[in-house]
Amino acid sequence: MIPIHPRIVHFPVAFLIGAALFGILALIFKSKRNVFKEVLFWNLAFGVAGTVVAIITGLLEEKSLIHNDTIHSFMETHELLGFIFSGIFLVVLIWFILRKSKMKNIEFTVMVVALILSAGLLGYSAHLGGTMVYEQGAGVIPMKNIISHEEHNHSHNEESTHHHEEFKDSQINNEKENNHEHSSHQHDDSLKLKRN
């Protein structure tokens, strides 16, 4: 099955961060506030809709993702933050719909601050998602094969929490054994000449 989550997640990220940016612009440029508020609203609406799809696909694909303890830890935090910032954005969207025409300066400022804080959580969650893929190899086919053939299988109990570290230690030891130090000795070229 083709993973959908990593293919669509960038759209809600862009829309929701865009909503926060247009909120800031609306506070700075009061003469164009109504225009920026309208753009903010549509970015927020599309962003929340995209986030619902991203959460559903993420939860479904989590079950089939081959991973180890390190990836699992990133994934749990990524998921928790996803629920938190999605909830905040949804509340702000409903708040905006109900109060759009009656919203005063202070109320709008508070709403923009909520958008900025939520966008910060979104940015960190997106960073964790990228770390899982680009640093830990989650979902990358060659890395799936490596994780699948690790010495211990990943499980969600405490007994398996150190298998990833053990795998790293064995890699470091192998690298040390295979390193060829040139500074500690010299090659005797005269032996080569005599043999020839």
C-alpha atoms as a PDB file:
ATOM      1  CA  MET A   1       0.000   0.000   0.000  1.00  0.00           C
ATOM      2  CA  ILE A   2       1.309   3.486  -0.925  1.00  0.00           C
ATOM      3  CA  PRO A   3       1.691   5.611   2.239  1.00  0.00           C
ATOM      4  CA  ILE A   4      -0.623   8.641   2.008  1.00  0.00           C
ATOM      5  CA  HIS A   5       0.372  10.493   5.198  1.00  0.00           C
ATOM      6  CA  PRO A   6       3.827  11.716   4.069  1.00  0.00           C
ATOM      7  CA  ARG A   7       2.383  12.747   0.696  1.00  0.00           C
ATOM      8  CA  ILE A   8      -0.409  14.992   1.998  1.00  0.00           C
ATOM      9  CA  VAL A   9       0.885  16.244   5.349  1.00  0.00           C
ATOM     10  CA  HIS A  10       2.752  19.207   3.827  1.00  0.00           C
ATOM     11  CA  PHE A  11      -0.493  20.845   2.669  1.00  0.00           C
ATOM     12  CA  PRO A  12      -2.119  21.320   6.108  1.00  0.00           C
ATOM     13  CA  VAL A  13       1.280  22.385   7.492  1.00  0.00           C
ATOM     14  CA  ALA A  14       1.528  25.135   4.855  1.00  0.00           C
ATOM     15  CA  PHE A  15      -2.101  26.248   5.280  1.00  0.00           C
ATOM     16  CA  LEU A  16      -1.980  26.410   9.093  1.00  0.00           C
ATOM     17  CA  ILE A  17       1.350  28.216   9.305  1.00  0.00           C
ATOM     18  CA  GLY A  18       0.017  30.505   6.576  1.00  0.00           C
ATOM     19  CA  ALA A  19      -3.032  31.265   8.747  1.00  0.00           C
ATOM     20  CA  ALA A  20      -0.742  32.370  11.598  1.00  0.00           C
ATOM     21  CA  LEU A  21       1.330  34.534   9.233  1.00  0.00           C
ATOM     22  CA  PHE A  22      -1.750  36.233   7.776  1.00  0.00           C
ATOM     23  CA  GLY A  23      -2.954  36.846  11.332  1.00  0.00           C
ATOM     24  CA  ILE A  24       0.301  38.680  12.064  1.00  0.00           C
ATOM     25  CA  LEU A  25      -0.051  40.695   8.842  1.00  0.00           C
ATOM     26  CA  ALA A  26      -3.624  41.608   9.807  1.00  0.00           C
ATOM     27  CA  LEU A  27      -2.354  42.986  13.130  1.00  0.00           C
ATOM     28  CA  ILE A  28       0.426  45.005  11.470  1.00  0.00           C
ATOM     29  CA  PHE A  29      -1.465  46.393   8.449  1.00  0.00           C
ATOM     30  CA  LYS A  30      -4.746  47.618   9.894  1.00  0.00           C
ATOM     31  CA  SER A  31      -5.863  49.188   6.594  1.00  0.00           C
ATOM     32  CA  LYS A  32      -5.866  45.727   4.946  1.00  0.00           C
ATOM     33  CA  ARG A  33      -7.036  43.809   8.008  1.00  0.00           C
ATOM     34  CA  ASN A  34     -10.307  42.599   6.439  1.00  0.00           C
ATOM     35  CA  VAL A  35      -8.476  41.171   3.410  1.00  0.00           C
ATOM     36  CA  PHE A  36      -5.891  39.401   5.560  1.00  0.00           C
ATOM     37  CA  LYS A  37      -8.614  38.097   7.897  1.00  0.00           C
ATOM     38  CA  GLU A  38     -10.419  36.565   4.928  1.00  0.00           C
ATOM     39  CA  VAL A  39      -7.231  34.879   3.681  1.00  0.00           C
ATOM     40  CA  LEU A  40      -6.508  33.748   7.261  1.00  0.00           C
ATOM     41  CA  PHE A  41      -9.960  32.162   7.484  1.00  0.00           C
ATOM     42  CA  TRP A  42      -9.608  30.121   4.275  1.00  0.00           C
ATOM     43  CA  ASN A  43      -6.070  29.001   5.166  1.00  0.00           C
ATOM     44  CA  LEU A  44      -7.346  27.921   8.570  1.00  0.00           C
ATOM     45  CA  ALA A  45     -10.363  26.098   7.106  1.00  0.00           C
ATOM     46  CA  PHE A  46      -8.330  24.186   4.499  1.00  0.00           C
ATOM     47  CA  GLY A  47      -5.602  23.532   7.061  1.00  0.00           C
ATOM     48  CA  VAL A  48      -7.990  22.007   9.607  1.00  0.00           C
ATOM     49  CA  ALA A  49      -9.635  19.850   6.915  1.00  0.00           C
ATOM     50  CA  GLY A  50      -6.189  18.657   5.774  1.00  0.00           C
ATOM     51  CA  THR A  51      -5.156  17.962   9.349  1.00  0.00           C
ATOM     52  CA  VAL A  52      -8.128  15.622   9.837  1.00  0.00           C
ATOM     53  CA  VAL A  53      -7.006  13.616   6.786  1.00  0.00           C
ATOM     54  CA  ALA A  54      -3.369  13.685   7.977  1.00  0.00           C
ATOM     55  CA  ILE A  55      -4.325  12.368  11.439  1.00  0.00           C
ATOM     56  CA  ILE A  56      -6.484   9.565  10.017  1.00  0.00           C
ATOM     57  CA  THR A  57      -3.824   8.436   7.520  1.00  0.00           C
ATOM     58  CA  GLY A  58      -1.084   8.742  10.156  1.00  0.00           C
ATOM     59  CA  LEU A  59      -2.952   6.536  12.627  1.00  0.00           C
ATOM     60  CA  LEU A  60      -3.733   3.930   9.966  1.00  0.00           C
ATOM     61  CA  GLU A  61      -0.185   3.792   8.613  1.00  0.00           C
ATOM     62  CA  GLU A  62       1.379   3.716  12.087  1.00  0.00           C
ATOM     63  CA  LYS A  63       0.156   0.128  12.483  1.00  0.00           C
ATOM     64  CA  SER A  64       2.079  -1.121   9.451  1.00  0.00           C
ATOM     65  CA  LEU A  65       5.219   1.014   9.857  1.00  0.00           C
ATOM     66  CA  ILE A  66       8.295  -1.090  10.628  1.00  0.00           C
ATOM     67  CA  HIS A  67      10.099   0.692  13.458  1.00  0.00           C
ATOM     68  CA  ASN A  68      12.402   0.352  16.430  1.00  0.00           C
ATOM     69  CA  ASP A  69      12.304   1.920  19.899  1.00  0.00           C
ATOM     70  CA  THR A  70      13.912   5.198  18.816  1.00  0.00           C
ATOM     71  CA  ILE A  71      11.426   5.717  15.980  1.00  0.00           C
ATOM     72  CA  HIS A  72       8.581   4.683  18.288  1.00  0.00           C
ATOM     73  CA  SER A  73       9.542   7.380  20.792  1.00  0.00           C
ATOM     74  CA  PHE A  74       9.581  10.073  18.072  1.00  0.00           C
ATOM     75  CA  MET A  75       6.289   8.755  16.704  1.00  0.00           C
ATOM     76  CA  GLU A  76       4.497   8.932  20.064  1.00  0.00           C
ATOM     77  CA  THR A  77       5.530  12.570  20.612  1.00  0.00           C
ATOM     78  CA  HIS A  78       4.705  13.458  16.984  1.00  0.00           C
ATOM     79  CA  GLU A  79       1.239  11.935  17.430  1.00  0.00           C
ATOM     80  CA  LEU A  80       0.549  13.648  20.773  1.00  0.00           C
ATOM     81  CA  LEU A  81       1.555  17.069  19.429  1.00  0.00           C
ATOM     82  CA  GLY A  82      -0.619  16.425  16.365  1.00  0.00           C
ATOM     83  CA  PHE A  83      -3.697  15.983  18.534  1.00  0.00           C
ATOM     84  CA  ILE A  84      -2.871  19.079  20.616  1.00  0.00           C
ATOM     85  CA  PHE A  85      -2.254  21.556  17.796  1.00  0.00           C
ATOM     86  CA  SER A  86      -5.142  20.153  15.719  1.00  0.00           C
ATOM     87  CA  GLY A  87      -7.500  20.712  18.659  1.00  0.00           C
ATOM     88  CA  ILE A  88      -6.285  24.287  19.103  1.00  0.00           C
ATOM     89  CA  PHE A  89      -6.655  25.092  15.388  1.00  0.00           C
ATOM     90  CA  LEU A  90     -10.157  23.577  15.351  1.00  0.00           C
ATOM     91  CA  VAL A  91     -11.224  25.652  18.372  1.00  0.00           C
ATOM     92  CA  VAL A  92      -9.808  28.812  16.753  1.00  0.00           C
ATOM     93  CA  LEU A  93     -11.658  28.040  13.499  1.00  0.00           C
ATOM     94  CA  ILE A  94     -14.995  27.623  15.323  1.00  0.00           C
ATOM     95  CA  TRP A  95     -14.246  30.763  17.370  1.00  0.00           C
ATOM     96  CA  PHE A  96     -13.477  32.677  14.182  1.00  0.00           C
ATOM     97  CA  ILE A  97     -16.703  31.526  12.455  1.00  0.00           C
ATOM     98  CA  LEU A  98     -18.878  32.474  15.441  1.00  0.00           C
ATOM     99  CA  ARG A  99     -17.204  35.805  16.208  1.00  0.00           C
ATOM    100  CA  LYS A 100     -15.894  36.957  12.793  1.00  0.00           C
ATOM    101  CA  SER A 101     -18.181  39.989  12.397  1.00  0.00           C
ATOM    102  CA  LYS A 102     -18.218  40.928  16.106  1.00  0.00           C
ATOM    103  CA  MET A 103     -14.526  40.458  16.885  1.00  0.00           C
ATOM    104  CA  LYS A 104     -12.796  43.395  18.566  1.00  0.00           C
ATOM    105  CA  ASN A 105      -9.101  44.284  18.450  1.00  0.00           C
ATOM    106  CA  ILE A 106      -8.098  42.567  21.709  1.00  0.00           C
ATOM    107  CA  GLU A 107     -10.062  39.411  20.922  1.00  0.00           C
ATOM    108  CA  PHE A 108      -8.499  39.180  17.454  1.00  0.00           C
ATOM    109  CA  THR A 109      -5.026  39.659  18.962  1.00  0.00           C
ATOM    110  CA  VAL A 110      -5.616  36.802  21.422  1.00  0.00           C
ATOM    111  CA  MET A 111      -6.773  34.606  18.555  1.00  0.00           C
ATOM    112  CA  VAL A 112      -3.635  35.387  16.531  1.00  0.00           C
ATOM    113  CA  VAL A 113      -1.437  34.592  19.552  1.00  0.00           C
ATOM    114  CA  ALA A 114      -3.222  31.211  19.832  1.00  0.00           C
ATOM    115  CA  LEU A 115      -2.540  30.617  16.124  1.00  0.00           C
ATOM    116  CA  ILE A 116       1.154  31.473  16.542  1.00  0.00           C
ATOM    117  CA  LEU A 117       1.594  29.152  19.553  1.00  0.00           C
ATOM    118  CA  SER A 118      -0.227  26.347  17.773  1.00  0.00           C
ATOM    119  CA  ALA A 119       1.882  26.908  14.640  1.00  0.00           C
ATOM    120  CA  GLY A 120       4.977  26.525  16.842  1.00  0.00           C
ATOM    121  CA  LEU A 121       3.743  23.132  18.079  1.00  0.00           C
ATOM    122  CA  LEU A 122       2.937  22.176  14.488  1.00  0.00           C
ATOM    123  CA  GLY A 123       6.440  23.157  13.367  1.00  0.00           C
ATOM    124  CA  TYR A 124       8.077  21.039  16.076  1.00  0.00           C
ATOM    125  CA  SER A 125       5.808  18.087  15.303  1.00  0.00           C
ATOM    126  CA  ALA A 126       6.718  18.385  11.611  1.00  0.00           C
ATOM    127  CA  HIS A 127      10.399  18.467  12.604  1.00  0.00           C
ATOM    128  CA  LEU A 128       9.955  15.195  14.526  1.00  0.00           C
ATOM    129  CA  GLY A 129       8.250  13.642  11.496  1.00  0.00           C
ATOM    130  CA  GLY A 130      11.171  14.670   9.314  1.00  0.00           C
ATOM    131  CA  THR A 131      13.666  13.332  11.861  1.00  0.00           C
ATOM    132  CA  MET A 132      11.927   9.948  11.837  1.00  0.00           C
ATOM    133  CA  VAL A 133      12.343   9.729   8.075  1.00  0.00           C
ATOM    134  CA  TYR A 134      15.613  11.493   7.292  1.00  0.00           C
ATOM    135  CA  GLU A 135      17.646  10.563  10.380  1.00  0.00           C
ATOM    136  CA  GLN A 136      16.061   7.289  11.545  1.00  0.00           C
ATOM    137  CA  GLY A 137      14.909   5.898   8.174  1.00  0.00           C
ATOM    138  CA  ALA A 138      11.250   5.326   9.101  1.00  0.00           C
ATOM    139  CA  GLY A 139       9.318   4.232   6.016  1.00  0.00           C
ATOM    140  CA  VAL A 140      12.451   4.136   3.845  1.00  0.00           C
ATOM    141  CA  ILE A 141      12.560   0.711   2.159  1.00  0.00           C
ATOM    142  CA  PRO A 142      16.319  -0.067   2.596  1.00  0.00           C
ATOM    143  CA  MET A 143      16.045   0.976   6.260  1.00  0.00           C
ATOM    144  CA  LYS A 144      12.959  -1.230   6.714  1.00  0.00           C
ATOM    145  CA  ASN A 145      15.119  -4.218   5.741  1.00  0.00           C
ATOM    146  CA  ILE A 146      17.833  -3.236   8.247  1.00  0.00           C
ATOM    147  CA  ILE A 147      15.342  -2.738  11.084  1.00  0.00           C
ATOM    148  CA  SER A 148      13.574  -6.013  10.206  1.00  0.00           C
ATOM    149  CA  HIS A 149      16.848  -7.955  10.509  1.00  0.00           C
ATOM    150  CA  GLU A 150      18.080  -6.376  13.731  1.00  0.00           C
ATOM    151  CA  GLU A 151      19.133  -8.819  16.421  1.00  0.00           C
ATOM    152  CA  HIS A 152      16.002  -8.218  18.515  1.00  0.00           C
ATOM    153  CA  ASN A 153      12.465  -7.520  17.369  1.00  0.00           C
ATOM    154  CA  HIS A 154      10.839  -4.278  18.490  1.00  0.00           C
ATOM    155  CA  SER A 155       8.078  -4.560  21.016  1.00  0.00           C
ATOM    156  CA  HIS A 156       6.366  -2.047  23.289  1.00  0.00           C
ATOM    157  CA  ASN A 157       7.568  -3.415  26.640  1.00  0.00           C
ATOM    158  CA  GLU A 158      10.487  -2.301  28.795  1.00  0.00           C
ATOM    159  CA  GLU A 159      12.634  -5.364  28.063  1.00  0.00           C
ATOM    160  CA  SER A 160      13.334  -4.238  24.497  1.00  0.00           C
ATOM    161  CA  THR A 161      14.222  -0.601  25.184  1.00  0.00           C
ATOM    162  CA  HIS A 162      17.963  -1.097  24.768  1.00  0.00           C
ATOM    163  CA  HIS A 163      18.123  -3.148  21.560  1.00  0.00           C
ATOM    164  CA  HIS A 164      18.614  -0.094  19.341  1.00  0.00           C
ATOM    165  CA  GLU A 165      21.531   1.094  21.484  1.00  0.00           C
ATOM    166  CA  GLU A 166      23.061  -2.404  21.359  1.00  0.00           C
ATOM    167  CA  PHE A 167      22.779  -2.386  17.569  1.00  0.00           C
ATOM    168  CA  LYS A 168      24.554   1.029  17.440  1.00  0.00           C
ATOM    169  CA  ASP A 169      27.330  -0.220  19.777  1.00  0.00           C
ATOM    170  CA  SER A 170      27.938  -3.257  17.575  1.00  0.00           C
ATOM    171  CA  GLN A 171      28.197  -0.989  14.531  1.00  0.00           C
ATOM    172  CA  ILE A 172      30.743   1.259  16.297  1.00  0.00           C
ATOM    173  CA  ASN A 173      32.834  -1.783  17.353  1.00  0.00           C
ATOM    174  CA  ASN A 174      32.811  -3.122  13.795  1.00  0.00           C
ATOM    175  CA  GLU A 175      33.958   0.240  12.470  1.00  0.00           C
ATOM    176  CA  LYS A 176      36.824   0.358  15.000  1.00  0.00           C
ATOM    177  CA  GLU A 177      37.963  -3.127  13.996  1.00  0.00           C
ATOM    178  CA  ASN A 178      37.896  -2.290  10.298  1.00  0.00           C
ATOM    179  CA  ASN A 179      39.722   1.062  10.594  1.00  0.00           C
ATOM    180  CA  HIS A 180      43.236   0.931   9.119  1.00  0.00           C
ATOM    181  CA  GLU A 181      45.554   3.348  10.934  1.00  0.00           C
ATOM    182  CA  HIS A 182      48.332   4.677   8.701  1.00  0.00           C
ATOM    183  CA  SER A 183      49.984   6.941  11.259  1.00  0.00           C
ATOM    184  CA  SER A 184      51.252   4.082  13.471  1.00  0.00           C
ATOM    185  CA  HIS A 185      53.391   2.324  10.853  1.00  0.00           C
ATOM    186  CA  GLN A 186      55.132   2.773   7.542  1.00  0.00           C
ATOM    187  CA  HIS A 187      55.009   0.603   4.459  1.00  0.00           C
ATOM    188  CA  ASP A 188      58.454  -0.738   3.534  1.00  0.00           C
ATOM    189  CA  ASP A 189      58.709  -0.159  -0.198  1.00  0.00           C
ATOM    190  CA  SER A 190      62.136  -1.807  -0.324  1.00  0.00           C
ATOM    191  CA  LEU A 191      60.532  -5.208   0.326  1.00  0.00           C
ATOM    192  CA  LYS A 192      58.343  -4.712  -2.709  1.00  0.00           C
ATOM    193  CA  LEU A 193      61.420  -3.879  -4.845  1.00  0.00           C
ATOM    194  CA  LYS A 194      63.338  -6.987  -3.665  1.00  0.00           C
ATOM    195  CA  ARG A 195      60.391  -9.227  -4.470  1.00  0.00           C
ATOM    196  CA  ASN A 196      60.222  -7.772  -7.989  1.00  0.00           C
END
